[in-house]
């Protein structure tokens, strides 16, 4: 079953919050597309699990420590930055995954 969802996300190419279409296939994220500039991130779940799992798990497990260190360094800057980080994090993760998958695809074609 495919589900399309329209939402507002921060687009790094448009450099502003824009309308995006998110496509879920079988309950899993498959595609995110900016409706303004057309930038699209496609997700291949199997490849994603292969390449991203170890690094992602490590980053998730170390996130509390990294946030604590950031708060200790500069609490006011942390408090200023957290709202936009919360809003843009899903897009940044999706973009990072897309970059990894494209890089691997290029390496396999060489």
PDB file of N, CA and C in Angstrom:
ATOM      1  N   UNK A   1       0.839  -1.181   0.000  1.00  0.00           N
ATOM      2  CA  UNK A   1       0.000   0.000   0.000  1.00  0.00           C
ATOM      3  C   UNK A   1       0.888   1.251   0.000  1.00  0.00           C
ATOM      4  N   UNK A   2       0.618   2.175  -0.894  1.00  0.00           N
ATOM      5  CA  UNK A   2       1.375   3.419  -0.988  1.00  0.00           C
ATOM      6  C   UNK A   2       0.560   4.561  -0.398  1.00  0.00           C
ATOM      7  N   UNK A   3       1.225   5.360   0.440  1.00  0.00           N
ATOM      8  CA  UNK A   3       0.581   6.509   1.067  1.00  0.00           C
ATOM      9  C   UNK A   3       1.378   7.753   0.746  1.00  0.00           C
ATOM     10  N   UNK A   4       0.681   8.802   0.290  1.00  0.00           N
ATOM     11  CA  UNK A   4       1.325  10.090   0.022  1.00  0.00           C
ATOM     12  C   UNK A   4       0.897  11.070   1.097  1.00  0.00           C
ATOM     13  N   UNK A   5       1.870  11.820   1.594  1.00  0.00           N
ATOM     14  CA  UNK A   5       1.625  12.792   2.642  1.00  0.00           C
ATOM     15  C   UNK A   5       2.241  14.113   2.219  1.00  0.00           C
ATOM     16  N   UNK A   6       1.494  15.181   2.301  1.00  0.00           N
ATOM     17  CA  UNK A   6       2.025  16.510   1.993  1.00  0.00           C
ATOM     18  C   UNK A   6       2.295  17.206   3.320  1.00  0.00           C
ATOM     19  N   UNK A   7       3.481  17.821   3.416  1.00  0.00           N
ATOM     20  CA  UNK A   7       3.874  18.481   4.656  1.00  0.00           C
ATOM     21  C   UNK A   7       4.862  19.600   4.359  1.00  0.00           C
ATOM     22  N   UNK A   8       5.105  20.432   5.351  1.00  0.00           N
ATOM     23  CA  UNK A   8       6.105  21.482   5.229  1.00  0.00           C
ATOM     24  C   UNK A   8       7.388  21.003   5.886  1.00  0.00           C
ATOM     25  N   UNK A   9       8.494  21.084   5.138  1.00  0.00           N
ATOM     26  CA  UNK A   9       9.815  20.750   5.646  1.00  0.00           C
ATOM     27  C   UNK A   9      10.786  21.830   5.192  1.00  0.00           C
ATOM     28  N   UNK A  10      11.909  21.936   5.861  1.00  0.00           N
ATOM     29  CA  UNK A  10      12.937  22.880   5.444  1.00  0.00           C
ATOM     30  C   UNK A  10      13.729  22.246   4.307  1.00  0.00           C
ATOM     31  N   UNK A  11      13.744  22.904   3.167  1.00  0.00           N
ATOM     32  CA  UNK A  11      14.490  22.417   2.002  1.00  0.00           C
ATOM     33  C   UNK A  11      15.853  23.105   1.975  1.00  0.00           C
ATOM     34  N   UNK A  12      16.903  22.295   1.965  1.00  0.00           N
ATOM     35  CA  UNK A  12      18.250  22.849   1.949  1.00  0.00           C
ATOM     36  C   UNK A  12      18.592  23.495   0.617  1.00  0.00           C
ATOM     37  N   UNK A  13      17.929  23.100  -0.466  1.00  0.00           N
ATOM     38  CA  UNK A  13      18.184  23.700  -1.776  1.00  0.00           C
ATOM     39  C   UNK A  13      17.454  25.036  -1.920  1.00  0.00           C
ATOM     40  N   UNK A  14      16.204  25.084  -1.471  1.00  0.00           N
ATOM     41  CA  UNK A  14      15.441  26.338  -1.512  1.00  0.00           C
ATOM     42  C   UNK A  14      15.849  27.272  -0.377  1.00  0.00           C
ATOM     43  N   UNK A  15      16.455  26.697   0.661  1.00  0.00           N
ATOM     44  CA  UNK A  15      16.877  27.419   1.866  1.00  0.00           C
ATOM     45  C   UNK A  15      15.704  28.064   2.603  1.00  0.00           C
ATOM     46  N   UNK A  16      14.581  27.353   2.594  1.00  0.00           N
ATOM     47  CA  UNK A  16      13.407  27.823   3.334  1.00  0.00           C
ATOM     48  C   UNK A  16      12.441  26.659   3.519  1.00  0.00           C
ATOM     49  N   UNK A  17      11.459  26.871   4.343  1.00  0.00           N
ATOM     50  CA  UNK A  17      10.427  25.861   4.554  1.00  0.00           C
ATOM     51  C   UNK A  17       9.510  25.830   3.341  1.00  0.00           C
ATOM     52  N   UNK A  18       9.366  24.643   2.756  1.00  0.00           N
ATOM     53  CA  UNK A  18       8.547  24.505   1.554  1.00  0.00           C
ATOM     54  C   UNK A  18       7.652  23.275   1.665  1.00  0.00           C
ATOM     55  N   UNK A  19       6.708  23.191   0.773  1.00  0.00           N
ATOM     56  CA  UNK A  19       5.825  22.033   0.709  1.00  0.00           C
ATOM     57  C   UNK A  19       6.594  20.835   0.144  1.00  0.00           C
ATOM     58  N   UNK A  20       6.457  19.690   0.788  1.00  0.00           N
ATOM     59  CA  UNK A  20       7.101  18.452   0.350  1.00  0.00           C
ATOM     60  C   UNK A  20       6.053  17.354   0.248  1.00  0.00           C
ATOM     61  N   UNK A  21       6.302  16.390  -0.600  1.00  0.00           N
ATOM     62  CA  UNK A  21       5.496  15.181  -0.678  1.00  0.00           C
ATOM     63  C   UNK A  21       6.349  14.034  -0.169  1.00  0.00           C
ATOM     64  N   UNK A  22       5.820  13.321   0.814  1.00  0.00           N
ATOM     65  CA  UNK A  22       6.499  12.160   1.381  1.00  0.00           C
ATOM     66  C   UNK A  22       5.703  10.930   0.975  1.00  0.00           C
ATOM     67  N   UNK A  23       6.393   9.934   0.451  1.00  0.00           N
ATOM     68  CA  UNK A  23       5.727   8.709   0.008  1.00  0.00           C
ATOM     69  C   UNK A  23       6.185   7.545   0.883  1.00  0.00           C
ATOM     70  N   UNK A  24       5.198   6.862   1.446  1.00  0.00           N
ATOM     71  CA  UNK A  24       5.452   5.641   2.209  1.00  0.00           C
ATOM     72  C   UNK A  24       4.942   4.470   1.390  1.00  0.00           C
ATOM     73  N   UNK A  25       5.727   3.420   1.319  1.00  0.00           N
ATOM     74  CA  UNK A  25       5.312   2.215   0.614  1.00  0.00           C
ATOM     75  C   UNK A  25       5.379   1.060   1.599  1.00  0.00           C
ATOM     76  N   UNK A  26       4.241   0.437   1.832  1.00  0.00           N
ATOM     77  CA  UNK A  26       4.195  -0.660   2.794  1.00  0.00           C
ATOM     78  C   UNK A  26       4.564  -0.223   4.194  1.00  0.00           C
ATOM     79  N   UNK A  27       4.280   1.014   4.548  1.00  0.00           N
ATOM     80  CA  UNK A  27       4.589   1.511   5.881  1.00  0.00           C
ATOM     81  C   UNK A  27       5.998   2.039   6.050  1.00  0.00           C
ATOM     82  N   UNK A  28       6.826   1.969   4.994  1.00  0.00           N
ATOM     83  CA  UNK A  28       8.202   2.439   5.073  1.00  0.00           C
ATOM     84  C   UNK A  28       8.401   3.663   4.196  1.00  0.00           C
ATOM     85  N   UNK A  29       9.236   4.585   4.676  1.00  0.00           N
ATOM     86  CA  UNK A  29       9.567   5.779   3.920  1.00  0.00           C
ATOM     87  C   UNK A  29      10.274   5.377   2.627  1.00  0.00           C
ATOM     88  N   UNK A  30       9.767   5.884   1.489  1.00  0.00           N
ATOM     89  CA  UNK A  30      10.371   5.562   0.200  1.00  0.00           C
ATOM     90  C   UNK A  30      10.934   6.788  -0.506  1.00  0.00           C
ATOM     91  N   UNK A  31      10.288   7.955  -0.350  1.00  0.00           N
ATOM     92  CA  UNK A  31      10.658   9.106  -1.162  1.00  0.00           C
ATOM     93  C   UNK A  31      10.237  10.397  -0.468  1.00  0.00           C
ATOM     94  N   UNK A  32      11.088  11.425  -0.552  1.00  0.00           N
ATOM     95  CA  UNK A  32      10.757  12.770  -0.085  1.00  0.00           C
ATOM     96  C   UNK A  32      11.078  13.714  -1.226  1.00  0.00           C
ATOM     97  N   UNK A  33      10.122  14.536  -1.631  1.00  0.00           N
ATOM     98  CA  UNK A  33      10.333  15.431  -2.769  1.00  0.00           C
ATOM     99  C   UNK A  33       9.847  16.832  -2.433  1.00  0.00           C
ATOM    100  N   UNK A  34      10.713  17.819  -2.686  1.00  0.00           N
ATOM    101  CA  UNK A  34      10.331  19.223  -2.526  1.00  0.00           C
ATOM    102  C   UNK A  34       9.420  19.586  -3.689  1.00  0.00           C
ATOM    103  N   UNK A  35       8.258  20.124  -3.387  1.00  0.00           N
ATOM    104  CA  UNK A  35       7.304  20.487  -4.429  1.00  0.00           C
ATOM    105  C   UNK A  35       7.656  21.802  -5.125  1.00  0.00           C
ATOM    106  N   UNK A  36       8.654  22.521  -4.606  1.00  0.00           N
ATOM    107  CA  UNK A  36       9.074  23.793  -5.216  1.00  0.00           C
ATOM    108  C   UNK A  36      10.241  23.566  -6.185  1.00  0.00           C
ATOM    109  N   UNK A  37      11.368  23.040  -5.680  1.00  0.00           N
ATOM    110  CA  UNK A  37      12.561  22.886  -6.533  1.00  0.00           C
ATOM    111  C   UNK A  37      12.660  21.499  -7.173  1.00  0.00           C
ATOM    112  N   UNK A  38      11.890  20.539  -6.671  1.00  0.00           N
ATOM    113  CA  UNK A  38      11.907  19.196  -7.243  1.00  0.00           C
ATOM    114  C   UNK A  38      13.000  18.295  -6.701  1.00  0.00           C
ATOM    115  N   UNK A  39      13.811  18.800  -5.748  1.00  0.00           N
ATOM    116  CA  UNK A  39      14.839  17.945  -5.159  1.00  0.00           C
ATOM    117  C   UNK A  39      14.171  16.726  -4.527  1.00  0.00           C
ATOM    118  N   UNK A  40      14.713  15.558  -4.839  1.00  0.00           N
ATOM    119  CA  UNK A  40      14.067  14.315  -4.424  1.00  0.00           C
ATOM    120  C   UNK A  40      15.082  13.392  -3.772  1.00  0.00           C
ATOM    121  N   UNK A  41      14.666  12.763  -2.702  1.00  0.00           N
ATOM    122  CA  UNK A  41      15.484  11.771  -2.023  1.00  0.00           C
ATOM    123  C   UNK A  41      14.709  10.465  -2.029  1.00  0.00           C
ATOM    124  N   UNK A  42      15.275   9.456  -2.694  1.00  0.00           N
ATOM    125  CA  UNK A  42      14.637   8.139  -2.754  1.00  0.00           C
ATOM    126  C   UNK A  42      15.346   7.218  -1.774  1.00  0.00           C
ATOM    127  N   UNK A  43      14.574   6.400  -1.091  1.00  0.00           N
ATOM    128  CA  UNK A  43      15.106   5.516  -0.065  1.00  0.00           C
ATOM    129  C   UNK A  43      14.925   4.059  -0.497  1.00  0.00           C
ATOM    130  N   UNK A  44      16.041   3.321  -0.578  1.00  0.00           N
ATOM    131  CA  UNK A  44      15.999   1.888  -0.819  1.00  0.00           C
ATOM    132  C   UNK A  44      16.236   1.235   0.541  1.00  0.00           C
ATOM    133  N   UNK A  45      15.208   0.679   1.122  1.00  0.00           N
ATOM    134  CA  UNK A  45      15.257   0.197   2.497  1.00  0.00           C
ATOM    135  C   UNK A  45      16.329  -0.861   2.712  1.00  0.00           C
ATOM    136  N   UNK A  46      16.449  -1.810   1.817  1.00  0.00           N
ATOM    137  CA  UNK A  46      17.429  -2.877   1.989  1.00  0.00           C
ATOM    138  C   UNK A  46      18.852  -2.327   1.975  1.00  0.00           C
ATOM    139  N   UNK A  47      19.140  -1.464   1.009  1.00  0.00           N
ATOM    140  CA  UNK A  47      20.467  -0.870   0.902  1.00  0.00           C
ATOM    141  C   UNK A  47      20.746   0.019   2.114  1.00  0.00           C
ATOM    142  N   UNK A  48      19.735   0.725   2.547  1.00  0.00           N
ATOM    143  CA  UNK A  48      19.856   1.588   3.709  1.00  0.00           C
ATOM    144  C   UNK A  48      20.255   0.779   4.941  1.00  0.00           C
ATOM    145  N   UNK A  49      19.587  -0.325   5.161  1.00  0.00           N
ATOM    146  CA  UNK A  49      19.896  -1.160   6.317  1.00  0.00           C
ATOM    147  C   UNK A  49      21.323  -1.697   6.246  1.00  0.00           C
ATOM    148  N   UNK A  50      21.750  -2.078   5.049  1.00  0.00           N
ATOM    149  CA  UNK A  50      23.109  -2.591   4.864  1.00  0.00           C
ATOM    150  C   UNK A  50      24.171  -1.559   5.215  1.00  0.00           C
ATOM    151  N   UNK A  51      24.021  -0.371   4.661  1.00  0.00           N
ATOM    152  CA  UNK A  51      25.099   0.615   4.730  1.00  0.00           C
ATOM    153  C   UNK A  51      25.041   1.535   5.935  1.00  0.00           C
ATOM    154  N   UNK A  52      23.871   1.741   6.482  1.00  0.00           N
ATOM    155  CA  UNK A  52      23.701   2.815   7.449  1.00  0.00           C
ATOM    156  C   UNK A  52      23.531   2.340   8.877  1.00  0.00           C
ATOM    157  N   UNK A  53      23.177   1.098   9.079  1.00  0.00           N
ATOM    158  CA  UNK A  53      22.790   0.619  10.397  1.00  0.00           C
ATOM    159  C   UNK A  53      23.869   0.821  11.454  1.00  0.00           C
ATOM    160  N   UNK A  54      25.071   0.356  11.188  1.00  0.00           N
ATOM    161  CA  UNK A  54      26.120   0.414  12.207  1.00  0.00           C
ATOM    162  C   UNK A  54      26.425   1.853  12.613  1.00  0.00           C
ATOM    163  N   UNK A  55      26.632   2.720  11.633  1.00  0.00           N
ATOM    164  CA  UNK A  55      26.946   4.113  11.932  1.00  0.00           C
ATOM    165  C   UNK A  55      25.786   4.797  12.637  1.00  0.00           C
ATOM    166  N   UNK A  56      24.592   4.548  12.173  1.00  0.00           N
ATOM    167  CA  UNK A  56      23.411   5.192  12.745  1.00  0.00           C
ATOM    168  C   UNK A  56      23.212   4.770  14.201  1.00  0.00           C
ATOM    169  N   UNK A  57      23.336   3.490  14.467  1.00  0.00           N
ATOM    170  CA  UNK A  57      23.177   2.997  15.835  1.00  0.00           C
ATOM    171  C   UNK A  57      24.219   3.634  16.746  1.00  0.00           C
ATOM    172  N   UNK A  58      25.451   3.726  16.268  1.00  0.00           N
ATOM    173  CA  UNK A  58      26.504   4.359  17.056  1.00  0.00           C
ATOM    174  C   UNK A  58      26.160   5.815  17.347  1.00  0.00           C
ATOM    175  N   UNK A  59      25.686   6.532  16.358  1.00  0.00           N
ATOM    176  CA  UNK A  59      25.339   7.943  16.550  1.00  0.00           C
ATOM    177  C   UNK A  59      24.152   8.110  17.490  1.00  0.00           C
ATOM    178  N   UNK A  60      23.171   7.220  17.392  1.00  0.00           N
ATOM    179  CA  UNK A  60      22.027   7.284  18.304  1.00  0.00           C
ATOM    180  C   UNK A  60      22.482   7.043  19.742  1.00  0.00           C
ATOM    181  N   UNK A  61      23.352   6.063  19.908  1.00  0.00           N
ATOM    182  CA  UNK A  61      23.811   5.728  21.256  1.00  0.00           C
ATOM    183  C   UNK A  61      24.701   6.808  21.869  1.00  0.00           C
ATOM    184  N   UNK A  62      25.410   7.559  21.045  1.00  0.00           N
ATOM    185  CA  UNK A  62      26.282   8.616  21.571  1.00  0.00           C
ATOM    186  C   UNK A  62      25.617   9.992  21.607  1.00  0.00           C
ATOM    187  N   UNK A  63      24.408  10.114  21.075  1.00  0.00           N
ATOM    188  CA  UNK A  63      23.739  11.414  21.014  1.00  0.00           C
ATOM    189  C   UNK A  63      23.543  12.061  22.388  1.00  0.00           C
ATOM    190  N   UNK A  64      23.084  11.337  23.411  1.00  0.00           N
ATOM    191  CA  UNK A  64      22.924  11.992  24.718  1.00  0.00           C
ATOM    192  C   UNK A  64      24.232  12.617  25.233  1.00  0.00           C
ATOM    193  N   UNK A  65      25.328  11.914  25.062  1.00  0.00           N
ATOM    194  CA  UNK A  65      26.616  12.451  25.503  1.00  0.00           C
ATOM    195  C   UNK A  65      26.997  13.702  24.700  1.00  0.00           C
ATOM    196  N   UNK A  66      26.804  13.634  23.388  1.00  0.00           N
ATOM    197  CA  UNK A  66      27.156  14.778  22.538  1.00  0.00           C
ATOM    198  C   UNK A  66      26.297  15.996  22.860  1.00  0.00           C
ATOM    199  N   UNK A  67      25.008  15.777  23.138  1.00  0.00           N
ATOM    200  CA  UNK A  67      24.140  16.893  23.519  1.00  0.00           C
ATOM    201  C   UNK A  67      24.556  17.481  24.865  1.00  0.00           C
ATOM    202  N   UNK A  68      24.909  16.625  25.803  1.00  0.00           N
ATOM    203  CA  UNK A  68      25.352  17.099  27.115  1.00  0.00           C
ATOM    204  C   UNK A  68      26.601  17.963  26.978  1.00  0.00           C
ATOM    205  N   UNK A  69      27.544  17.522  26.167  1.00  0.00           N
ATOM    206  CA  UNK A  69      28.761  18.306  25.942  1.00  0.00           C
ATOM    207  C   UNK A  69      28.440  19.653  25.297  1.00  0.00           C
ATOM    208  N   UNK A  70      27.523  19.644  24.358  1.00  0.00           N
ATOM    209  CA  UNK A  70      27.120  20.887  23.685  1.00  0.00           C
ATOM    210  C   UNK A  70      26.479  21.849  24.678  1.00  0.00           C
ATOM    211  N   UNK A  71      25.636  21.338  25.550  1.00  0.00           N
ATOM    212  CA  UNK A  71      24.983  22.168  26.566  1.00  0.00           C
ATOM    213  C   UNK A  71      26.025  22.758  27.515  1.00  0.00           C
ATOM    214  N   UNK A  72      27.005  21.957  27.919  1.00  0.00           N
ATOM    215  CA  UNK A  72      28.059  22.442  28.816  1.00  0.00           C
ATOM    216  C   UNK A  72      28.880  23.549  28.163  1.00  0.00           C
ATOM    217  N   UNK A  73      29.152  23.405  26.871  1.00  0.00           N
ATOM    218  CA  UNK A  73      29.956  24.403  26.163  1.00  0.00           C
ATOM    219  C   UNK A  73      29.254  25.743  26.064  1.00  0.00           C
ATOM    220  N   UNK A  74      27.963  25.722  25.673  1.00  0.00           N
ATOM    221  CA  UNK A  74      27.263  26.995  25.448  1.00  0.00           C
ATOM    222  C   UNK A  74      25.758  26.767  25.492  1.00  0.00           C
ATOM    223  N   UNK A  75      25.178  26.898  26.675  1.00  0.00           N
ATOM    224  CA  UNK A  75      23.753  26.641  26.863  1.00  0.00           C
ATOM    225  C   UNK A  75      22.887  27.583  26.034  1.00  0.00           C
ATOM    226  N   UNK A  76      23.216  28.863  25.993  1.00  0.00           N
ATOM    227  CA  UNK A  76      22.369  29.815  25.259  1.00  0.00           C
ATOM    228  C   UNK A  76      22.353  29.506  23.760  1.00  0.00           C
ATOM    229  N   UNK A  77      23.500  29.143  23.198  1.00  0.00           N
ATOM    230  CA  UNK A  77      23.536  28.785  21.776  1.00  0.00           C
ATOM    231  C   UNK A  77      22.743  27.509  21.520  1.00  0.00           C
ATOM    232  N   UNK A  78      22.859  26.544  22.424  1.00  0.00           N
ATOM    233  CA  UNK A  78      22.097  25.306  22.300  1.00  0.00           C
ATOM    234  C   UNK A  78      20.599  25.605  22.295  1.00  0.00           C
ATOM    235  N   UNK A  79      20.138  26.432  23.232  1.00  0.00           N
ATOM    236  CA  UNK A  79      18.710  26.756  23.319  1.00  0.00           C
ATOM    237  C   UNK A  79      18.222  27.520  22.091  1.00  0.00           C
ATOM    238  N   UNK A  80      19.079  28.358  21.528  1.00  0.00           N
ATOM    239  CA  UNK A  80      18.706  29.087  20.313  1.00  0.00           C
ATOM    240  C   UNK A  80      18.597  28.151  19.106  1.00  0.00           C
ATOM    241  N   UNK A  81      19.465  27.165  19.043  1.00  0.00           N
ATOM    242  CA  UNK A  81      19.524  26.322  17.851  1.00  0.00           C
ATOM    243  C   UNK A  81      18.547  25.144  17.876  1.00  0.00           C
ATOM    244  N   UNK A  82      18.091  24.741  19.036  1.00  0.00           N
ATOM    245  CA  UNK A  82      17.305  23.506  19.133  1.00  0.00           C
ATOM    246  C   UNK A  82      15.980  23.544  18.357  1.00  0.00           C
ATOM    247  N   UNK A  83      15.221  24.638  18.320  1.00  0.00           N
ATOM    248  CA  UNK A  83      13.951  24.589  17.566  1.00  0.00           C
ATOM    249  C   UNK A  83      14.142  24.281  16.076  1.00  0.00           C
ATOM    250  N   UNK A  84      15.092  24.939  15.425  1.00  0.00           N
ATOM    251  CA  UNK A  84      15.290  24.693  13.992  1.00  0.00           C
ATOM    252  C   UNK A  84      15.897  23.310  13.763  1.00  0.00           C
ATOM    253  N   UNK A  85      16.729  22.856  14.677  1.00  0.00           N
ATOM    254  CA  UNK A  85      17.309  21.520  14.549  1.00  0.00           C
ATOM    255  C   UNK A  85      16.238  20.442  14.622  1.00  0.00           C
ATOM    256  N   UNK A  86      15.281  20.635  15.508  1.00  0.00           N
ATOM    257  CA  UNK A  86      14.186  19.670  15.627  1.00  0.00           C
ATOM    258  C   UNK A  86      13.371  19.632  14.333  1.00  0.00           C
ATOM    259  N   UNK A  87      13.138  20.794  13.753  1.00  0.00           N
ATOM    260  CA  UNK A  87      12.348  20.856  12.521  1.00  0.00           C
ATOM    261  C   UNK A  87      13.085  20.275  11.311  1.00  0.00           C
ATOM    262  N   UNK A  88      14.382  20.493  11.239  1.00  0.00           N
ATOM    263  CA  UNK A  88      15.126  20.084  10.043  1.00  0.00           C
ATOM    264  C   UNK A  88      15.766  18.703  10.149  1.00  0.00           C
ATOM    265  N   UNK A  89      15.817  18.113  11.325  1.00  0.00           N
ATOM    266  CA  UNK A  89      16.518  16.840  11.500  1.00  0.00           C
ATOM    267  C   UNK A  89      16.003  15.729  10.582  1.00  0.00           C
ATOM    268  N   UNK A  90      14.688  15.523  10.452  1.00  0.00           N
ATOM    269  CA  UNK A  90      14.240  14.451   9.546  1.00  0.00           C
ATOM    270  C   UNK A  90      14.741  14.636   8.108  1.00  0.00           C
ATOM    271  N   UNK A  91      14.713  15.858   7.620  1.00  0.00           N
ATOM    272  CA  UNK A  91      15.187  16.122   6.265  1.00  0.00           C
ATOM    273  C   UNK A  91      16.694  15.902   6.163  1.00  0.00           C
ATOM    274  N   UNK A  92      17.440  16.350   7.185  1.00  0.00           N
ATOM    275  CA  UNK A  92      18.894  16.182   7.151  1.00  0.00           C
ATOM    276  C   UNK A  92      19.282  14.709   7.168  1.00  0.00           C
ATOM    277  N   UNK A  93      18.581  13.912   7.951  1.00  0.00           N
ATOM    278  CA  UNK A  93      18.860  12.475   7.982  1.00  0.00           C
ATOM    279  C   UNK A  93      18.536  11.853   6.625  1.00  0.00           C
ATOM    280  N   UNK A  94      17.393  12.210   6.064  1.00  0.00           N
ATOM    281  CA  UNK A  94      17.009  11.667   4.758  1.00  0.00           C
ATOM    282  C   UNK A  94      18.015  12.066   3.686  1.00  0.00           C
ATOM    283  N   UNK A  95      18.482  13.296   3.732  1.00  0.00           N
ATOM    284  CA  UNK A  95      19.467  13.755   2.744  1.00  0.00           C
ATOM    285  C   UNK A  95      20.783  13.006   2.909  1.00  0.00           C
ATOM    286  N   UNK A  96      21.203  12.816   4.154  1.00  0.00           N
ATOM    287  CA  UNK A  96      22.437  12.086   4.412  1.00  0.00           C
ATOM    288  C   UNK A  96      22.342  10.654   3.888  1.00  0.00           C
ATOM    289  N   UNK A  97      21.220  10.026   4.119  1.00  0.00           N
ATOM    290  CA  UNK A  97      21.008   8.664   3.624  1.00  0.00           C
ATOM    291  C   UNK A  97      21.053   8.648   2.100  1.00  0.00           C
ATOM    292  N   UNK A  98      20.386   9.619   1.489  1.00  0.00           N
ATOM    293  CA  UNK A  98      20.402   9.725   0.025  1.00  0.00           C
ATOM    294  C   UNK A  98      21.811   9.914  -0.512  1.00  0.00           C
ATOM    295  N   UNK A  99      22.600  10.751   0.139  1.00  0.00           N
ATOM    296  CA  UNK A  99      23.982  10.972  -0.283  1.00  0.00           C
ATOM    297  C   UNK A  99      24.800   9.681  -0.185  1.00  0.00           C
ATOM    298  N   UNK A 100      24.607   8.945   0.906  1.00  0.00           N
ATOM    299  CA  UNK A 100      25.338   7.686   1.088  1.00  0.00           C
ATOM    300  C   UNK A 100      24.966   6.696  -0.005  1.00  0.00           C
ATOM    301  N   UNK A 101      23.675   6.589  -0.286  1.00  0.00           N
ATOM    302  CA  UNK A 101      23.225   5.646  -1.311  1.00  0.00           C
ATOM    303  C   UNK A 101      23.717   6.036  -2.693  1.00  0.00           C
ATOM    304  N   UNK A 102      23.715   7.343  -3.009  1.00  0.00           N
ATOM    305  CA  UNK A 102      24.225   7.790  -4.302  1.00  0.00           C
ATOM    306  C   UNK A 102      25.730   7.541  -4.412  1.00  0.00           C
ATOM    307  N   UNK A 103      26.461   7.768  -3.335  1.00  0.00           N
ATOM    308  CA  UNK A 103      27.906   7.554  -3.330  1.00  0.00           C
ATOM    309  C   UNK A 103      28.202   6.066  -3.572  1.00  0.00           C
ATOM    310  N   UNK A 104      27.470   5.208  -2.897  1.00  0.00           N
ATOM    311  CA  UNK A 104      27.677   3.771  -3.071  1.00  0.00           C
ATOM    312  C   UNK A 104      27.320   3.334  -4.485  1.00  0.00           C
ATOM    313  N   UNK A 105      26.262   3.905  -5.032  1.00  0.00           N
ATOM    314  CA  UNK A 105      25.844   3.556  -6.399  1.00  0.00           C
ATOM    315  C   UNK A 105      26.946   3.947  -7.387  1.00  0.00           C
ATOM    316  N   UNK A 106      27.520   5.143  -7.199  1.00  0.00           N
ATOM    317  CA  UNK A 106      28.600   5.594  -8.064  1.00  0.00           C
ATOM    318  C   UNK A 106      29.818   4.692  -7.951  1.00  0.00           C
ATOM    319  N   UNK A 107      30.145   4.244  -6.720  1.00  0.00           N
ATOM    320  CA  UNK A 107      31.285   3.361  -6.518  1.00  0.00           C
ATOM    321  C   UNK A 107      31.060   1.997  -7.178  1.00  0.00           C
ATOM    322  N   UNK A 108      29.812   1.501  -7.142  1.00  0.00           N
ATOM    323  CA  UNK A 108      29.508   0.211  -7.748  1.00  0.00           C
ATOM    324  C   UNK A 108      29.517   0.274  -9.273  1.00  0.00           C
ATOM    325  N   UNK A 109      29.238   1.445  -9.837  1.00  0.00           N
ATOM    326  CA  UNK A 109      29.214   1.590 -11.294  1.00  0.00           C
ATOM    327  C   UNK A 109      30.614   1.768 -11.862  1.00  0.00           C
ATOM    328  N   UNK A 110      31.593   2.110 -11.009  1.00  0.00           N
ATOM    329  CA  UNK A 110      32.972   2.348 -11.485  1.00  0.00           C
ATOM    330  C   UNK A 110      33.704   1.076 -11.734  1.00  0.00           C
TER     331      UNK A 110
END
